[in-house]
């Protein structure tokens, strides 16, 4: 069966992009991974409008990617910081893949602006693709998307 025969909206990529697929959401996630958790700090670091940031964080919370935790500085009103859930933490390879691609194809003559190192040994981190049998797959032509039971043919109704 050909891939074009399947409904493209019933796809894990489409579902993920629906939640995290805009620029600001990805940058918010980047900041959360780098330890910036408080609303004001995120807004300041990104230079993003507060109402836009509020909507992105609410969407991430609704999707179970972040949780909101109250904190209060002495003499100040209650504020919130945002923490990644397990689902959020598991997005790290997605951001690392974007960074690795950007480093390879978009870095200027000075090279990449940042790098990721393994804290225990200091070696640079690189993503790789492997199958469940443990084979590293360097050639993307060796990957095949296959339909699973939840796939829907185009035009089929659930």
C-alpha atoms as a PDB file:
ATOM      1  CA  UNK A   1       0.000   0.000   0.000  1.00  0.00           C
ATOM      2  CA  UNK A   2       1.238   3.512  -0.806  1.00  0.00           C
ATOM      3  CA  UNK A   3       1.741   6.153   1.880  1.00  0.00           C
ATOM      4  CA  UNK A   4      -0.519   8.598   0.019  1.00  0.00           C
ATOM      5  CA  UNK A   5      -3.438   6.228   0.592  1.00  0.00           C
ATOM      6  CA  UNK A   6      -3.381   7.018   4.331  1.00  0.00           C
ATOM      7  CA  UNK A   7      -4.995   9.955   6.113  1.00  0.00           C
ATOM      8  CA  UNK A   8      -2.160  12.391   6.847  1.00  0.00           C
ATOM      9  CA  UNK A   9      -4.028  13.945   9.794  1.00  0.00           C
ATOM     10  CA  UNK A  10      -3.992  10.632  11.688  1.00  0.00           C
ATOM     11  CA  UNK A  11      -0.255  10.766  12.185  1.00  0.00           C
ATOM     12  CA  UNK A  12       1.900  11.201  15.260  1.00  0.00           C
ATOM     13  CA  UNK A  13       3.952  13.908  13.525  1.00  0.00           C
ATOM     14  CA  UNK A  14       0.795  15.881  12.720  1.00  0.00           C
ATOM     15  CA  UNK A  15      -0.446  15.511  16.300  1.00  0.00           C
ATOM     16  CA  UNK A  16       2.892  16.590  17.793  1.00  0.00           C
ATOM     17  CA  UNK A  17       3.182  19.592  15.485  1.00  0.00           C
ATOM     18  CA  UNK A  18      -0.311  20.643  16.546  1.00  0.00           C
ATOM     19  CA  UNK A  19       1.027  21.027  20.103  1.00  0.00           C
ATOM     20  CA  UNK A  20       4.629  22.179  19.672  1.00  0.00           C
ATOM     21  CA  UNK A  21       4.910  23.206  16.030  1.00  0.00           C
ATOM     22  CA  UNK A  22       5.278  26.973  16.220  1.00  0.00           C
ATOM     23  CA  UNK A  23       8.416  29.041  16.746  1.00  0.00           C
ATOM     24  CA  UNK A  24       7.532  30.448  20.163  1.00  0.00           C
ATOM     25  CA  UNK A  25       6.537  27.098  21.645  1.00  0.00           C
ATOM     26  CA  UNK A  26       9.790  25.497  20.554  1.00  0.00           C
ATOM     27  CA  UNK A  27      11.784  28.408  21.996  1.00  0.00           C
ATOM     28  CA  UNK A  28       9.833  28.237  25.271  1.00  0.00           C
ATOM     29  CA  UNK A  29      10.710  24.537  25.482  1.00  0.00           C
ATOM     30  CA  UNK A  30      14.368  25.350  24.769  1.00  0.00           C
ATOM     31  CA  UNK A  31      14.399  27.832  27.641  1.00  0.00           C
ATOM     32  CA  UNK A  32      12.700  25.378  29.999  1.00  0.00           C
ATOM     33  CA  UNK A  33      15.333  22.757  29.143  1.00  0.00           C
ATOM     34  CA  UNK A  34      17.988  25.347  29.947  1.00  0.00           C
ATOM     35  CA  UNK A  35      16.549  26.080  33.388  1.00  0.00           C
ATOM     36  CA  UNK A  36      14.557  29.240  32.689  1.00  0.00           C
ATOM     37  CA  UNK A  37      11.255  28.480  34.398  1.00  0.00           C
ATOM     38  CA  UNK A  38       9.675  31.678  35.651  1.00  0.00           C
ATOM     39  CA  UNK A  39       7.199  33.476  33.420  1.00  0.00           C
ATOM     40  CA  UNK A  40       8.926  36.862  33.666  1.00  0.00           C
ATOM     41  CA  UNK A  41      12.338  35.357  32.946  1.00  0.00           C
ATOM     42  CA  UNK A  42      11.046  33.471  29.902  1.00  0.00           C
ATOM     43  CA  UNK A  43       9.268  36.582  28.581  1.00  0.00           C
ATOM     44  CA  UNK A  44      12.387  38.702  29.074  1.00  0.00           C
ATOM     45  CA  UNK A  45      14.784  36.154  27.595  1.00  0.00           C
ATOM     46  CA  UNK A  46      12.674  35.526  24.490  1.00  0.00           C
ATOM     47  CA  UNK A  47      11.405  39.068  24.055  1.00  0.00           C
ATOM     48  CA  UNK A  48       7.953  37.605  23.502  1.00  0.00           C
ATOM     49  CA  UNK A  49       4.657  39.376  24.211  1.00  0.00           C
ATOM     50  CA  UNK A  50       3.275  38.303  27.572  1.00  0.00           C
ATOM     51  CA  UNK A  51      -0.160  37.373  26.198  1.00  0.00           C
ATOM     52  CA  UNK A  52       1.435  35.178  23.513  1.00  0.00           C
ATOM     53  CA  UNK A  53       3.676  33.507  26.087  1.00  0.00           C
ATOM     54  CA  UNK A  54       0.717  32.947  28.376  1.00  0.00           C
ATOM     55  CA  UNK A  55      -1.190  31.201  25.568  1.00  0.00           C
ATOM     56  CA  UNK A  56       1.785  29.008  24.637  1.00  0.00           C
ATOM     57  CA  UNK A  57       2.377  27.961  28.236  1.00  0.00           C
ATOM     58  CA  UNK A  58      -1.332  27.224  28.718  1.00  0.00           C
ATOM     59  CA  UNK A  59      -1.310  25.057  25.594  1.00  0.00           C
ATOM     60  CA  UNK A  60       1.750  23.176  26.855  1.00  0.00           C
ATOM     61  CA  UNK A  61       0.083  22.691  30.238  1.00  0.00           C
ATOM     62  CA  UNK A  62      -3.155  21.484  28.647  1.00  0.00           C
ATOM     63  CA  UNK A  63      -1.145  18.980  26.604  1.00  0.00           C
ATOM     64  CA  UNK A  64       0.587  17.657  29.740  1.00  0.00           C
ATOM     65  CA  UNK A  65       4.018  18.914  28.680  1.00  0.00           C
ATOM     66  CA  UNK A  66       4.499  21.389  31.543  1.00  0.00           C
ATOM     67  CA  UNK A  67       3.043  21.922  34.980  1.00  0.00           C
ATOM     68  CA  UNK A  68       2.491  25.263  36.655  1.00  0.00           C
ATOM     69  CA  UNK A  69       3.923  25.623  40.149  1.00  0.00           C
ATOM     70  CA  UNK A  70       3.199  28.541  42.429  1.00  0.00           C
ATOM     71  CA  UNK A  71       5.969  30.390  44.238  1.00  0.00           C
ATOM     72  CA  UNK A  72       6.023  33.604  46.231  1.00  0.00           C
ATOM     73  CA  UNK A  73       8.875  35.959  46.955  1.00  0.00           C
ATOM     74  CA  UNK A  74       8.641  37.598  50.398  1.00  0.00           C
ATOM     75  CA  UNK A  75       6.196  40.508  50.262  1.00  0.00           C
ATOM     76  CA  UNK A  76       5.153  39.800  46.671  1.00  0.00           C
ATOM     77  CA  UNK A  77       2.095  38.211  45.133  1.00  0.00           C
ATOM     78  CA  UNK A  78       1.992  34.568  44.128  1.00  0.00           C
ATOM     79  CA  UNK A  79       3.689  33.920  40.780  1.00  0.00           C
ATOM     80  CA  UNK A  80       4.192  30.784  38.703  1.00  0.00           C
ATOM     81  CA  UNK A  81       7.024  28.849  37.252  1.00  0.00           C
ATOM     82  CA  UNK A  82       6.797  26.084  34.697  1.00  0.00           C
ATOM     83  CA  UNK A  83       8.331  22.638  34.963  1.00  0.00           C
ATOM     84  CA  UNK A  84       8.588  19.979  32.308  1.00  0.00           C
ATOM     85  CA  UNK A  85       6.602  16.813  32.915  1.00  0.00           C
ATOM     86  CA  UNK A  86       7.919  13.419  31.823  1.00  0.00           C
ATOM     87  CA  UNK A  87       6.220  13.981  28.451  1.00  0.00           C
ATOM     88  CA  UNK A  88       7.957  17.356  28.217  1.00  0.00           C
ATOM     89  CA  UNK A  89      11.345  15.969  29.226  1.00  0.00           C
ATOM     90  CA  UNK A  90      11.057  13.364  26.481  1.00  0.00           C
ATOM     91  CA  UNK A  91      10.962  16.182  23.907  1.00  0.00           C
ATOM     92  CA  UNK A  92      14.651  16.884  24.545  1.00  0.00           C
ATOM     93  CA  UNK A  93      15.855  14.729  21.619  1.00  0.00           C
ATOM     94  CA  UNK A  94      13.510  16.675  19.321  1.00  0.00           C
ATOM     95  CA  UNK A  95      15.159  19.960  20.300  1.00  0.00           C
ATOM     96  CA  UNK A  96      18.618  18.408  20.144  1.00  0.00           C
ATOM     97  CA  UNK A  97      17.856  17.163  16.621  1.00  0.00           C
ATOM     98  CA  UNK A  98      16.755  20.655  15.557  1.00  0.00           C
ATOM     99  CA  UNK A  99      19.917  22.139  17.062  1.00  0.00           C
ATOM    100  CA  UNK A 100      22.146  19.519  15.436  1.00  0.00           C
ATOM    101  CA  UNK A 101      20.542  20.176  12.046  1.00  0.00           C
ATOM    102  CA  UNK A 102      20.852  23.951  12.545  1.00  0.00           C
ATOM    103  CA  UNK A 103      24.510  23.592  13.553  1.00  0.00           C
ATOM    104  CA  UNK A 104      25.219  21.582  10.427  1.00  0.00           C
ATOM    105  CA  UNK A 105      23.286  23.614   7.860  1.00  0.00           C
ATOM    106  CA  UNK A 106      22.738  27.089   9.295  1.00  0.00           C
ATOM    107  CA  UNK A 107      25.770  27.980  11.425  1.00  0.00           C
ATOM    108  CA  UNK A 108      27.731  30.982  10.235  1.00  0.00           C
ATOM    109  CA  UNK A 109      31.451  31.079   9.512  1.00  0.00           C
ATOM    110  CA  UNK A 110      32.189  31.224  13.253  1.00  0.00           C
ATOM    111  CA  UNK A 111      30.452  27.880  13.762  1.00  0.00           C
ATOM    112  CA  UNK A 112      27.577  26.954  16.048  1.00  0.00           C
ATOM    113  CA  UNK A 113      26.780  29.358  18.896  1.00  0.00           C
ATOM    114  CA  UNK A 114      26.347  26.623  21.512  1.00  0.00           C
ATOM    115  CA  UNK A 115      27.022  22.944  22.004  1.00  0.00           C
ATOM    116  CA  UNK A 116      25.733  20.159  24.197  1.00  0.00           C
ATOM    117  CA  UNK A 117      28.178  18.107  26.230  1.00  0.00           C
ATOM    118  CA  UNK A 118      27.765  14.948  28.279  1.00  0.00           C
ATOM    119  CA  UNK A 119      28.132  16.156  31.852  1.00  0.00           C
ATOM    120  CA  UNK A 120      29.962  13.017  33.042  1.00  0.00           C
ATOM    121  CA  UNK A 121      32.738  12.961  30.427  1.00  0.00           C
ATOM    122  CA  UNK A 122      32.521  16.294  28.597  1.00  0.00           C
ATOM    123  CA  UNK A 123      32.194  14.758  25.132  1.00  0.00           C
ATOM    124  CA  UNK A 124      29.916  16.433  22.570  1.00  0.00           C
ATOM    125  CA  UNK A 125      26.439  14.920  22.265  1.00  0.00           C
ATOM    126  CA  UNK A 126      25.187  13.743  18.867  1.00  0.00           C
ATOM    127  CA  UNK A 127      21.878  12.111  18.078  1.00  0.00           C
ATOM    128  CA  UNK A 128      21.657   8.886  16.175  1.00  0.00           C
ATOM    129  CA  UNK A 129      18.918   6.601  14.927  1.00  0.00           C
ATOM    130  CA  UNK A 130      18.872   2.939  15.871  1.00  0.00           C
ATOM    131  CA  UNK A 131      16.403   0.097  15.658  1.00  0.00           C
ATOM    132  CA  UNK A 132      15.218  -2.058  18.575  1.00  0.00           C
ATOM    133  CA  UNK A 133      17.804  -4.686  17.608  1.00  0.00           C
ATOM    134  CA  UNK A 134      20.539  -2.114  18.290  1.00  0.00           C
ATOM    135  CA  UNK A 135      21.652  -1.369  14.726  1.00  0.00           C
ATOM    136  CA  UNK A 136      22.746   2.217  14.109  1.00  0.00           C
ATOM    137  CA  UNK A 137      21.074   3.519  10.963  1.00  0.00           C
ATOM    138  CA  UNK A 138      23.121   6.202   9.242  1.00  0.00           C
ATOM    139  CA  UNK A 139      21.328   6.006   5.901  1.00  0.00           C
ATOM    140  CA  UNK A 140      17.776   7.379   6.034  1.00  0.00           C
ATOM    141  CA  UNK A 141      16.967   5.397   2.888  1.00  0.00           C
ATOM    142  CA  UNK A 142      16.979   2.286   5.097  1.00  0.00           C
ATOM    143  CA  UNK A 143      13.969   3.554   7.079  1.00  0.00           C
ATOM    144  CA  UNK A 144      10.416   2.640   6.094  1.00  0.00           C
ATOM    145  CA  UNK A 145       7.194   4.056   7.510  1.00  0.00           C
ATOM    146  CA  UNK A 146       4.649   1.270   7.886  1.00  0.00           C
ATOM    147  CA  UNK A 147       0.963   1.467   8.735  1.00  0.00           C
ATOM    148  CA  UNK A 148      -0.042   0.173  12.161  1.00  0.00           C
ATOM    149  CA  UNK A 149      -3.541  -0.720  13.370  1.00  0.00           C
ATOM    150  CA  UNK A 150      -4.427   2.910  14.209  1.00  0.00           C
ATOM    151  CA  UNK A 151      -3.701   4.079  10.638  1.00  0.00           C
ATOM    152  CA  UNK A 152      -6.703   5.197   8.622  1.00  0.00           C
ATOM    153  CA  UNK A 153      -7.084   5.086   4.895  1.00  0.00           C
ATOM    154  CA  UNK A 154      -7.923   8.420   3.280  1.00  0.00           C
ATOM    155  CA  UNK A 155     -11.639   9.005   3.110  1.00  0.00           C
ATOM    156  CA  UNK A 156     -12.368   6.457   5.870  1.00  0.00           C
ATOM    157  CA  UNK A 157     -14.361   7.676   8.847  1.00  0.00           C
ATOM    158  CA  UNK A 158     -13.816   6.592  12.403  1.00  0.00           C
END
